[in-house]
C-alpha atoms as a PDB file:
ATOM      1  CA  MET A   1     -42.146  15.496  35.653  1.00  0.00           C
ATOM      2  CA  SER A   2     -39.367  17.391  36.900  1.00  0.00           C
ATOM      3  CA  ALA A   3     -37.151  14.445  37.055  1.00  0.00           C
ATOM      4  CA  VAL A   4     -37.925  13.748  33.435  1.00  0.00           C
ATOM      5  CA  VAL A   5     -36.800  17.127  32.558  1.00  0.00           C
ATOM      6  CA  ALA A   6     -33.584  16.876  34.853  1.00  0.00           C
ATOM      7  CA  LEU A   7     -32.611  13.584  33.150  1.00  0.00           C
ATOM      8  CA  LYS A   8     -32.973  15.225  29.302  1.00  0.00           C
ATOM      9  CA  GLU A   9     -30.687  17.995  30.560  1.00  0.00           C
ATOM     10  CA  VAL A  10     -27.879  15.530  31.521  1.00  0.00           C
ATOM     11  CA  PRO A  11     -25.565  14.912  28.456  1.00  0.00           C
ATOM     12  CA  ASP A  12     -25.380  11.415  26.942  1.00  0.00           C
ATOM     13  CA  LEU A  13     -22.001  10.432  28.458  1.00  0.00           C
ATOM     14  CA  SER A  14     -22.500   6.963  26.882  1.00  0.00           C
ATOM     15  CA  ARG A  15     -22.724   8.463  23.657  1.00  0.00           C
ATOM     16  CA  ARG A  16     -19.879  10.463  23.833  1.00  0.00           C
ATOM     17  CA  GLU A  17     -17.491   7.543  25.089  1.00  0.00           C
ATOM     18  CA  GLU A  18     -18.817   5.247  22.026  1.00  0.00           C
ATOM     19  CA  ARG A  19     -17.623   8.199  19.916  1.00  0.00           C
ATOM     20  CA  GLN A  20     -14.087   8.519  21.420  1.00  0.00           C
ATOM     21  CA  SER A  21     -13.628   4.577  21.483  1.00  0.00           C
ATOM     22  CA  VAL A  22     -12.673   2.616  18.359  1.00  0.00           C
ATOM     23  CA  THR A  23     -13.549  -1.028  17.755  1.00  0.00           C
ATOM     24  CA  GLY A  24     -11.280  -2.174  14.920  1.00  0.00           C
ATOM     25  CA  HIS A  25     -14.656  -3.507  13.005  1.00  0.00           C
ATOM     26  CA  GLU A  26     -14.901  -1.938   9.637  1.00  0.00           C
ATOM     27  CA  ARG A  27     -18.528  -1.548   8.243  1.00  0.00           C
ATOM     28  CA  LEU A  28     -18.968  -2.083   4.488  1.00  0.00           C
ATOM     29  CA  PHE A  29     -21.941  -0.441   2.144  1.00  0.00           C
ATOM     30  CA  GLY A  30     -23.090  -1.127  -0.778  1.00  0.00           C
ATOM     31  CA  GLN A  31     -21.290  -0.389  -4.363  1.00  0.00           C
ATOM     32  CA  ASP A  32     -24.275   1.189  -5.536  1.00  0.00           C
ATOM     33  CA  GLN A  33     -24.699   3.610  -2.387  1.00  0.00           C
ATOM     34  CA  ILE A  34     -23.512   6.950  -2.280  1.00  0.00           C
ATOM     35  CA  ILE A  35     -22.823   8.758   0.973  1.00  0.00           C
ATOM     36  CA  VAL A  36     -23.476  12.578   0.727  1.00  0.00           C
ATOM     37  CA  SER A  37     -22.833  15.442   2.936  1.00  0.00           C
ATOM     38  CA  LYS A  38     -22.829  19.221   2.573  1.00  0.00           C
ATOM     39  CA  THR A  39     -20.995  21.687   4.813  1.00  0.00           C
ATOM     40  CA  ASP A  40     -20.780  25.410   4.833  1.00  0.00           C
ATOM     41  CA  THR A  41     -17.436  27.246   4.333  1.00  0.00           C
ATOM     42  CA  LYS A  42     -16.189  26.250   8.050  1.00  0.00           C
ATOM     43  CA  GLY A  43     -17.002  22.542   7.472  1.00  0.00           C
ATOM     44  CA  LEU A  44     -20.126  22.371   9.483  1.00  0.00           C
ATOM     45  CA  MET A  45     -22.430  19.885   8.192  1.00  0.00           C
ATOM     46  CA  THR A  46     -25.699  21.535   6.778  1.00  0.00           C
ATOM     47  CA  TYR A  47     -27.061  18.197   5.160  1.00  0.00           C
ATOM     48  CA  VAL A  48     -26.192  14.548   5.483  1.00  0.00           C
ATOM     49  CA  ASN A  49     -28.129  11.686   3.346  1.00  0.00           C
ATOM     50  CA  ASP A  50     -29.928   8.737   4.723  1.00  0.00           C
ATOM     51  CA  VAL A  51     -26.786   6.367   3.687  1.00  0.00           C
ATOM     52  CA  PHE A  52     -24.402   8.392   5.960  1.00  0.00           C
ATOM     53  CA  ILE A  53     -26.876   8.438   8.489  1.00  0.00           C
ATOM     54  CA  GLU A  54     -27.218   4.556   8.450  1.00  0.00           C
ATOM     55  CA  ILE A  55     -23.491   3.816   7.931  1.00  0.00           C
ATOM     56  CA  SER A  56     -22.210   6.057  10.508  1.00  0.00           C
ATOM     57  CA  GLY A  57     -24.915   4.900  13.164  1.00  0.00           C
ATOM     58  CA  TYR A  58     -25.688   8.795  13.961  1.00  0.00           C
ATOM     59  CA  ASP A  59     -28.754  10.538  13.468  1.00  0.00           C
ATOM     60  CA  GLU A  60     -29.285  13.515  11.644  1.00  0.00           C
ATOM     61  CA  ARG A  61     -29.715  15.988  14.720  1.00  0.00           C
ATOM     62  CA  GLU A  62     -26.338  14.736  15.933  1.00  0.00           C
ATOM     63  CA  LEU A  63     -24.641  15.522  12.944  1.00  0.00           C
ATOM     64  CA  ILE A  64     -26.050  18.688  11.602  1.00  0.00           C
ATOM     65  CA  SER A  65     -24.253  21.775  12.653  1.00  0.00           C
ATOM     66  CA  LYS A  66     -21.176  19.713  13.839  1.00  0.00           C
ATOM     67  CA  PRO A  67     -17.787  19.779  11.917  1.00  0.00           C
ATOM     68  CA  HIS A  68     -17.294  17.100   9.661  1.00  0.00           C
ATOM     69  CA  SER A  69     -14.361  16.139  11.851  1.00  0.00           C
ATOM     70  CA  TYR A  70     -17.003  15.068  14.098  1.00  0.00           C
ATOM     71  CA  ILE A  71     -16.578  11.658  12.664  1.00  0.00           C
ATOM     72  CA  ARG A  72     -12.891  11.692  11.952  1.00  0.00           C
ATOM     73  CA  HIS A  73     -11.299   8.386  12.966  1.00  0.00           C
ATOM     74  CA  PRO A  74      -7.998   8.813  15.038  1.00  0.00           C
ATOM     75  CA  HIS A  75      -5.953   6.564  12.851  1.00  0.00           C
ATOM     76  CA  MET A  76      -6.281   9.137   9.941  1.00  0.00           C
ATOM     77  CA  PRO A  77      -3.293  11.218   9.263  1.00  0.00           C
ATOM     78  CA  SER A  78      -4.039  14.936   9.413  1.00  0.00           C
ATOM     79  CA  CYS A  79      -1.958  15.855   6.538  1.00  0.00           C
ATOM     80  CA  ILE A  80      -4.732  14.291   4.280  1.00  0.00           C
ATOM     81  CA  PHE A  81      -7.224  16.813   5.672  1.00  0.00           C
ATOM     82  CA  LYS A  82      -4.636  19.681   5.526  1.00  0.00           C
ATOM     83  CA  LEU A  83      -4.481  18.800   1.789  1.00  0.00           C
ATOM     84  CA  LEU A  84      -8.295  18.246   1.300  1.00  0.00           C
ATOM     85  CA  TRP A  85      -8.730  21.679   2.840  1.00  0.00           C
ATOM     86  CA  GLU A  86      -6.022  23.444   1.146  1.00  0.00           C
ATOM     87  CA  THR A  87      -7.455  22.181  -2.303  1.00  0.00           C
ATOM     88  CA  ILE A  88     -11.029  22.848  -1.895  1.00  0.00           C
ATOM     89  CA  LYS A  89     -10.488  26.411  -0.343  1.00  0.00           C
ATOM     90  CA  ASN A  90      -8.646  27.236  -3.516  1.00  0.00           C
ATOM     91  CA  GLY A  91     -11.675  26.422  -5.560  1.00  0.00           C
ATOM     92  CA  GLN A  92     -10.596  22.901  -6.680  1.00  0.00           C
ATOM     93  CA  GLU A  93     -12.093  19.496  -6.318  1.00  0.00           C
ATOM     94  CA  ILE A  94     -10.394  16.669  -4.762  1.00  0.00           C
ATOM     95  CA  PHE A  95     -10.582  12.922  -4.633  1.00  0.00           C
ATOM     96  CA  ALA A  96      -9.319  11.453  -1.264  1.00  0.00           C
ATOM     97  CA  TYR A  97      -9.576   8.087   0.420  1.00  0.00           C
ATOM     98  CA  VAL A  98     -10.758   8.498   4.107  1.00  0.00           C
ATOM     99  CA  MET A  99     -11.358   6.295   7.128  1.00  0.00           C
ATOM    100  CA  ASN A 100     -14.359   7.737   9.345  1.00  0.00           C
ATOM    101  CA  ARG A 101     -15.546   6.514  12.470  1.00  0.00           C
ATOM    102  CA  CYS A 102     -18.925   5.496  13.420  1.00  0.00           C
ATOM    103  CA  ALA A 103     -20.836   6.504  16.465  1.00  0.00           C
ATOM    104  CA  ASN A 104     -20.182   3.015  18.060  1.00  0.00           C
ATOM    105  CA  GLY A 105     -16.436   3.088  17.267  1.00  0.00           C
ATOM    106  CA  ASP A 106     -16.476   1.060  14.106  1.00  0.00           C
ATOM    107  CA  HIS A 107     -15.187   2.540  10.827  1.00  0.00           C
ATOM    108  CA  TYR A 108     -15.716   2.532   6.937  1.00  0.00           C
ATOM    109  CA  TRP A 109     -13.336   3.319   4.177  1.00  0.00           C
ATOM    110  CA  VAL A 110     -14.552   5.758   1.432  1.00  0.00           C
ATOM    111  CA  LEU A 111     -13.187   7.171  -1.561  1.00  0.00           C
ATOM    112  CA  ALA A 112     -14.413  10.929  -1.263  1.00  0.00           C
ATOM    113  CA  HIS A 113     -14.848  13.480  -3.986  1.00  0.00           C
ATOM    114  CA  VAL A 114     -15.251  16.717  -2.347  1.00  0.00           C
ATOM    115  CA  THR A 115     -16.056  19.869  -4.251  1.00  0.00           C
ATOM    116  CA  PRO A 116     -16.524  23.652  -3.641  1.00  0.00           C
ATOM    117  CA  THR A 117     -20.161  24.925  -3.914  1.00  0.00           C
ATOM    118  CA  LEU A 118     -20.302  28.234  -5.405  1.00  0.00           C
ATOM    119  CA  GLY A 119     -22.650  31.074  -5.096  1.00  0.00           C
ATOM    120  CA  PRO A 120     -24.048  33.435  -7.740  1.00  0.00           C
ATOM    121  CA  ALA A 121     -20.948  35.518  -7.819  1.00  0.00           C
ATOM    122  CA  GLY A 122     -18.741  32.584  -8.146  1.00  0.00           C
ATOM    123  CA  GLU A 123     -17.803  32.647  -4.410  1.00  0.00           C
ATOM    124  CA  ILE A 124     -17.415  29.359  -2.368  1.00  0.00           C
ATOM    125  CA  VAL A 125     -20.652  29.232  -0.068  1.00  0.00           C
ATOM    126  CA  GLY A 126     -19.623  25.633   0.966  1.00  0.00           C
ATOM    127  CA  TYR A 127     -18.679  22.398   0.169  1.00  0.00           C
ATOM    128  CA  HIS A 128     -20.099  19.095  -1.137  1.00  0.00           C
ATOM    129  CA  SER A 129     -19.013  15.623  -0.587  1.00  0.00           C
ATOM    130  CA  ASN A 130     -20.056  12.537  -2.352  1.00  0.00           C
ATOM    131  CA  ARG A 131     -18.381   9.180  -1.262  1.00  0.00           C
ATOM    132  CA  ARG A 132     -18.360   5.726  -2.451  1.00  0.00           C
ATOM    133  CA  LEU A 133     -17.114   2.404  -1.278  1.00  0.00           C
ATOM    134  CA  PRO A 134     -13.261   2.078  -2.159  1.00  0.00           C
ATOM    135  CA  ARG A 135     -11.796  -1.028  -4.070  1.00  0.00           C
ATOM    136  CA  ARG A 136     -10.069  -3.329  -1.717  1.00  0.00           C
ATOM    137  CA  GLU A 137      -6.864  -3.286  -3.985  1.00  0.00           C
ATOM    138  CA  ALA A 138      -6.843   0.675  -3.395  1.00  0.00           C
ATOM    139  CA  LEU A 139      -6.845   0.464   0.290  1.00  0.00           C
ATOM    140  CA  SER A 140      -4.017  -2.196   0.212  1.00  0.00           C
ATOM    141  CA  VAL A 141      -1.917   0.691  -0.929  1.00  0.00           C
ATOM    142  CA  ILE A 142      -3.331   3.391   0.755  1.00  0.00           C
ATOM    143  CA  GLN A 143      -3.614   1.896   4.489  1.00  0.00           C
ATOM    144  CA  PRO A 144       0.214   1.283   4.899  1.00  0.00           C
ATOM    145  CA  LEU A 145       0.827   4.813   3.307  1.00  0.00           C
ATOM    146  CA  TYR A 146      -1.353   6.335   6.082  1.00  0.00           C
ATOM    147  CA  LYS A 147      -0.161   4.394   8.647  1.00  0.00           C
ATOM    148  CA  LYS A 148       3.485   5.576   7.961  1.00  0.00           C
ATOM    149  CA  LEU A 149       2.041   9.244   7.735  1.00  0.00           C
ATOM    150  CA  LEU A 150       0.505   8.880  11.172  1.00  0.00           C
ATOM    151  CA  ASP A 151       3.426   7.450  12.818  1.00  0.00           C
ATOM    152  CA  GLU A 152       5.244  10.416  11.809  1.00  0.00           C
ATOM    153  CA  GLU A 153       2.484  12.842  12.975  1.00  0.00           C
ATOM    154  CA  ARG A 154       2.496  10.987  16.190  1.00  0.00           C
ATOM    155  CA  ARG A 155       6.279  10.963  16.452  1.00  0.00           C
ATOM    156  CA  LEU A 156       6.634  14.679  16.418  1.00  0.00           C
ATOM    157  CA  ASN A 157       3.282  15.616  17.600  1.00  0.00           C
ATOM    158  CA  GLY A 158       0.948  18.772  17.169  1.00  0.00           C
ATOM    159  CA  ARG A 159       1.641  20.956  14.009  1.00  0.00           C
ATOM    160  CA  ALA A 160       5.061  19.867  13.612  1.00  0.00           C
ATOM    161  CA  GLY A 161       3.982  16.296  13.123  1.00  0.00           C
ATOM    162  CA  MET A 162       1.550  17.172  10.643  1.00  0.00           C
ATOM    163  CA  GLU A 163       4.123  19.455   8.476  1.00  0.00           C
ATOM    164  CA  ALA A 164       6.562  16.618   8.737  1.00  0.00           C
ATOM    165  CA  SER A 165       3.914  14.017   7.421  1.00  0.00           C
ATOM    166  CA  HIS A 166       2.360  16.393   4.887  1.00  0.00           C
ATOM    167  CA  GLN A 167       6.016  16.853   3.573  1.00  0.00           C
ATOM    168  CA  MET A 168       6.781  13.018   3.699  1.00  0.00           C
ATOM    169  CA  LEU A 169       3.818  12.614   1.568  1.00  0.00           C
ATOM    170  CA  MET A 170       4.788  15.215  -0.854  1.00  0.00           C
ATOM    171  CA  ASN A 171       8.238  13.513  -1.256  1.00  0.00           C
ATOM    172  CA  GLU A 172       6.512  10.318  -1.888  1.00  0.00           C
ATOM    173  CA  LEU A 173       4.432  11.664  -4.633  1.00  0.00           C
ATOM    174  CA  ASN A 174       7.422  13.724  -6.259  1.00  0.00           C
ATOM    175  CA  LYS A 175       9.472  10.402  -6.321  1.00  0.00           C
ATOM    176  CA  GLN A 176       6.679   8.989  -7.924  1.00  0.00           C
ATOM    177  CA  GLY A 177       6.335  11.889 -10.287  1.00  0.00           C
ATOM    178  CA  THR A 178       2.658  12.497  -9.528  1.00  0.00           C
ATOM    179  CA  SER A 179       0.259  14.442  -7.720  1.00  0.00           C
ATOM    180  CA  TYR A 180      -2.343  13.161  -4.782  1.00  0.00           C
ATOM    181  CA  GLU A 181      -5.250  13.137  -6.832  1.00  0.00           C
ATOM    182  CA  LYS A 182      -3.533  11.259  -9.548  1.00  0.00           C
ATOM    183  CA  PHE A 183      -2.072   8.927  -7.328  1.00  0.00           C
ATOM    184  CA  VAL A 184      -5.667   8.405  -5.850  1.00  0.00           C
ATOM    185  CA  LEU A 185      -7.462   7.827  -9.050  1.00  0.00           C
ATOM    186  CA  SER A 186      -4.580   5.389 -10.433  1.00  0.00           C
ATOM    187  CA  LEU A 187      -5.148   2.804  -7.405  1.00  0.00           C
END
């Protein structure tokens, strides 16, 4: 009996290693399916729906109380999350294209709609995200842009890289005379 208890106390390293790897394999979900999650104000997941669990390959107890960045794919530019957090912390909604990583290293693309959840006095008490399957035509524009942003982040590394890629994104949007949200919704 004590051997069983000891085994349960050992962390599941194979699961952690799977989460850190990437396979290059994309998972798709149905046009009619919506991935839903809720977080507290720090981004810790408080709710995930069955579609989220199914597509991500994690079970509910692996996700609840984890930061939403737990499913972040390493090929996503940090500047997109900087923009996302700045927007929702200011009480505004945002639409964003995001690539997430599954438990086994696969990935899936979403068009995320993230909104603040307000308490009775109008204060932000958390965030709610609905994610749908993006159009392939939109991804043909987003993927090269995100690669360019990520290359800039890696070139400079750390906070300087993120700031440089954020500036690169803002310059590109200004050149087009649009905001990130209008850009996203135009694709």
